[in-house]
C-alpha atoms as a PDB file:
ATOM      1  CA  MET A   1      83.161  24.417 -37.182  1.00  0.00           C
ATOM      2  CA  ASP A   2      84.834  27.467 -36.700  1.00  0.00           C
ATOM      3  CA  THR A   3      88.135  28.152 -34.247  1.00  0.00           C
ATOM      4  CA  ILE A   4      86.983  29.115 -31.187  1.00  0.00           C
ATOM      5  CA  THR A   5      88.785  32.252 -30.064  1.00  0.00           C
ATOM      6  CA  GLU A   6      90.342  33.242 -27.167  1.00  0.00           C
ATOM      7  CA  GLN A   7      87.575  36.159 -27.432  1.00  0.00           C
ATOM      8  CA  THR A   8      84.894  33.891 -27.482  1.00  0.00           C
ATOM      9  CA  VAL A   9      85.799  31.781 -24.475  1.00  0.00           C
ATOM     10  CA  ILE A  10      84.036  32.196 -21.570  1.00  0.00           C
ATOM     11  CA  THR A  11      87.266  30.577 -18.603  1.00  0.00           C
ATOM     12  CA  GLN A  12      86.369  28.320 -15.613  1.00  0.00           C
ATOM     13  CA  ASP A  13      88.495  30.839 -13.513  1.00  0.00           C
ATOM     14  CA  GLU A  14      85.868  33.656 -14.825  1.00  0.00           C
ATOM     15  CA  LEU A  15      83.207  31.669 -13.738  1.00  0.00           C
ATOM     16  CA  LYS A  16      84.631  30.584 -10.146  1.00  0.00           C
ATOM     17  CA  ALA A  17      85.619  34.163  -9.492  1.00  0.00           C
ATOM     18  CA  TYR A  18      81.713  35.646 -10.285  1.00  0.00           C
ATOM     19  CA  GLU A  19      80.651  33.268  -8.120  1.00  0.00           C
ATOM     20  CA  SER A  20      82.714  33.483  -5.144  1.00  0.00           C
ATOM     21  CA  LEU A  21      82.080  37.491  -5.580  1.00  0.00           C
ATOM     22  CA  LYS A  22      78.581  36.131  -5.495  1.00  0.00           C
ATOM     23  CA  ARG A  23      78.734  34.948  -2.232  1.00  0.00           C
ATOM     24  CA  GLU A  24      80.487  37.678  -0.667  1.00  0.00           C
ATOM     25  CA  VAL A  25      78.308  40.187  -1.837  1.00  0.00           C
ATOM     26  CA  GLU A  26      75.187  38.286  -0.383  1.00  0.00           C
ATOM     27  CA  ALA A  27      77.178  37.325   2.659  1.00  0.00           C
ATOM     28  CA  LYS A  28      78.172  41.511   3.091  1.00  0.00           C
ATOM     29  CA  LYS A  29      73.859  42.239   1.890  1.00  0.00           C
ATOM     30  CA  LYS A  30      73.211  40.028   5.525  1.00  0.00           C
ATOM     31  CA  THR A  31      75.861  41.778   7.179  1.00  0.00           C
ATOM     32  CA  LEU A  32      74.767  45.306   6.812  1.00  0.00           C
ATOM     33  CA  GLU A  33      70.960  44.431   7.264  1.00  0.00           C
ATOM     34  CA  THR A  34      71.412  42.942  10.657  1.00  0.00           C
ATOM     35  CA  ARG A  35      73.812  45.487  10.981  1.00  0.00           C
ATOM     36  CA  GLY A  36      71.448  48.473  10.028  1.00  0.00           C
ATOM     37  CA  LYS A  37      68.517  46.851  12.068  1.00  0.00           C
ATOM     38  CA  ASP A  38      70.450  46.641  15.107  1.00  0.00           C
ATOM     39  CA  LEU A  39      71.275  50.457  15.033  1.00  0.00           C
ATOM     40  CA  LEU A  40      67.675  50.854  14.269  1.00  0.00           C
ATOM     41  CA  SER A  41      66.659  48.862  16.712  1.00  0.00           C
ATOM     42  CA  ARG A  42      69.134  51.252  19.204  1.00  0.00           C
ATOM     43  CA  LEU A  43      68.127  54.551  17.467  1.00  0.00           C
ATOM     44  CA  GLU A  44      64.335  53.564  18.553  1.00  0.00           C
ATOM     45  CA  SER A  45      65.416  52.475  22.718  1.00  0.00           C
ATOM     46  CA  GLY A  46      66.209  56.091  22.823  1.00  0.00           C
ATOM     47  CA  ALA A  47      70.587  55.247  21.987  1.00  0.00           C
ATOM     48  CA  VAL A  48      73.062  58.506  21.189  1.00  0.00           C
ATOM     49  CA  VAL A  49      75.043  58.674  18.552  1.00  0.00           C
ATOM     50  CA  GLU A  50      78.695  58.982  19.319  1.00  0.00           C
ATOM     51  CA  PRO A  51      80.164  62.339  18.487  1.00  0.00           C
ATOM     52  CA  GLY A  52      81.887  62.227  15.108  1.00  0.00           C
ATOM     53  CA  SER A  53      82.164  61.824  11.607  1.00  0.00           C
ATOM     54  CA  TYR A  54      79.336  60.104  11.648  1.00  0.00           C
ATOM     55  CA  GLY A  55      75.921  61.031  12.748  1.00  0.00           C
ATOM     56  CA  ALA A  56      72.512  58.507  12.393  1.00  0.00           C
ATOM     57  CA  LYS A  57      68.906  58.778  12.805  1.00  0.00           C
ATOM     58  CA  ILE A  58      65.701  56.910  11.723  1.00  0.00           C
ATOM     59  CA  LYS A  59      64.319  57.686   7.764  1.00  0.00           C
ATOM     60  CA  VAL A  60      60.938  57.203   7.783  1.00  0.00           C
ATOM     61  CA  THR A  61      59.412  57.222   4.487  1.00  0.00           C
ATOM     62  CA  THR A  62      55.860  56.626   3.507  1.00  0.00           C
ATOM     63  CA  ARG A  63      54.727  55.527   0.015  1.00  0.00           C
ATOM     64  CA  SER A  64      51.390  55.228  -0.752  1.00  0.00           C
ATOM     65  CA  ASN A  65      49.448  53.488  -4.043  1.00  0.00           C
ATOM     66  CA  VAL A  66      46.330  53.713  -6.044  1.00  0.00           C
ATOM     67  CA  ALA A  67      44.351  50.951  -6.338  1.00  0.00           C
ATOM     68  CA  TYR A  68      44.007  51.904 -10.758  1.00  0.00           C
ATOM     69  CA  LYS A  69      42.396  48.083 -10.703  1.00  0.00           C
ATOM     70  CA  LYS A  70      39.550  48.705  -8.236  1.00  0.00           C
ATOM     71  CA  LEU A  71      38.656  52.672  -9.783  1.00  0.00           C
ATOM     72  CA  LEU A  72      38.640  51.427 -13.723  1.00  0.00           C
ATOM     73  CA  LEU A  73      37.231  48.519 -12.612  1.00  0.00           C
ATOM     74  CA  ASP A  74      33.970  50.545 -10.475  1.00  0.00           C
ATOM     75  CA  VAL A  75      34.141  53.782 -13.666  1.00  0.00           C
ATOM     76  CA  VAL A  76      34.269  51.098 -17.350  1.00  0.00           C
ATOM     77  CA  GLY A  77      32.831  47.853 -15.569  1.00  0.00           C
ATOM     78  CA  GLU A  78      34.309  44.527 -15.724  1.00  0.00           C
ATOM     79  CA  PRO A  79      34.742  43.862 -19.254  1.00  0.00           C
ATOM     80  CA  ARG A  80      36.063  46.765 -20.411  1.00  0.00           C
ATOM     81  CA  MET A  81      38.551  46.953 -17.865  1.00  0.00           C
ATOM     82  CA  LYS A  82      39.463  43.129 -19.447  1.00  0.00           C
ATOM     83  CA  ALA A  83      39.903  44.589 -22.944  1.00  0.00           C
ATOM     84  CA  LEU A  84      42.328  47.906 -21.950  1.00  0.00           C
ATOM     85  CA  VAL A  85      44.171  45.922 -19.648  1.00  0.00           C
ATOM     86  CA  GLU A  86      44.575  43.656 -22.592  1.00  0.00           C
ATOM     87  CA  GLU A  87      44.949  46.370 -24.897  1.00  0.00           C
ATOM     88  CA  HIS A  88      47.654  48.069 -22.436  1.00  0.00           C
ATOM     89  CA  LYS A  89      49.910  45.433 -21.472  1.00  0.00           C
ATOM     90  CA  THR A  90      53.583  45.622 -21.360  1.00  0.00           C
ATOM     91  CA  VAL A  91      56.015  42.730 -21.280  1.00  0.00           C
ATOM     92  CA  SER A  92      59.268  43.247 -19.353  1.00  0.00           C
ATOM     93  CA  GLU A  93      62.267  41.050 -19.813  1.00  0.00           C
ATOM     94  CA  TYR A  94      65.363  40.808 -17.716  1.00  0.00           C
ATOM     95  CA  LYS A  95      68.649  38.992 -18.457  1.00  0.00           C
ATOM     96  CA  LYS A  96      71.362  38.275 -15.808  1.00  0.00           C
ATOM     97  CA  VAL A  97      74.075  36.149 -16.040  1.00  0.00           C
ATOM     98  CA  GLU A  98      73.150  32.664 -13.788  1.00  0.00           C
ATOM     99  CA  VAL A  99      76.390  30.800 -13.206  1.00  0.00           C
ATOM    100  CA  PHE A 100      75.799  26.513 -12.656  1.00  0.00           C
ATOM    101  CA  LYS A 101      77.701  23.519 -11.365  1.00  0.00           C
ATOM    102  CA  VAL A 102      78.392  21.613 -14.016  1.00  0.00           C
ATOM    103  CA  ASN A 103      79.343  18.690 -12.442  1.00  0.00           C
ATOM    104  CA  GLY A 104      80.612  18.036  -8.702  1.00  0.00           C
ATOM    105  CA  ASP A 105      83.532  19.605  -8.999  1.00  0.00           C
END
């Protein structure tokens, strides 16, 4: 059996720090979302921005999607559409670290 080197060991302190940071980021995201909704609501209600280094405005973005599946179905028919989808199907794989509690520590 190989000896475990310092480089191959992920310490409990590293995992604990990762989880702590993750919780902190999630809390900050919630705070950011809440503050953003509040500012948007106030801007929509006609609030003015105090003069200074920062400004705020309502930014509206739109996105439209073509219903390719419906279009393809109408053009080539269901059997050919299923064959084309199968021929051109891609699978994406995403990896991330998941840290979990081993016992009730």
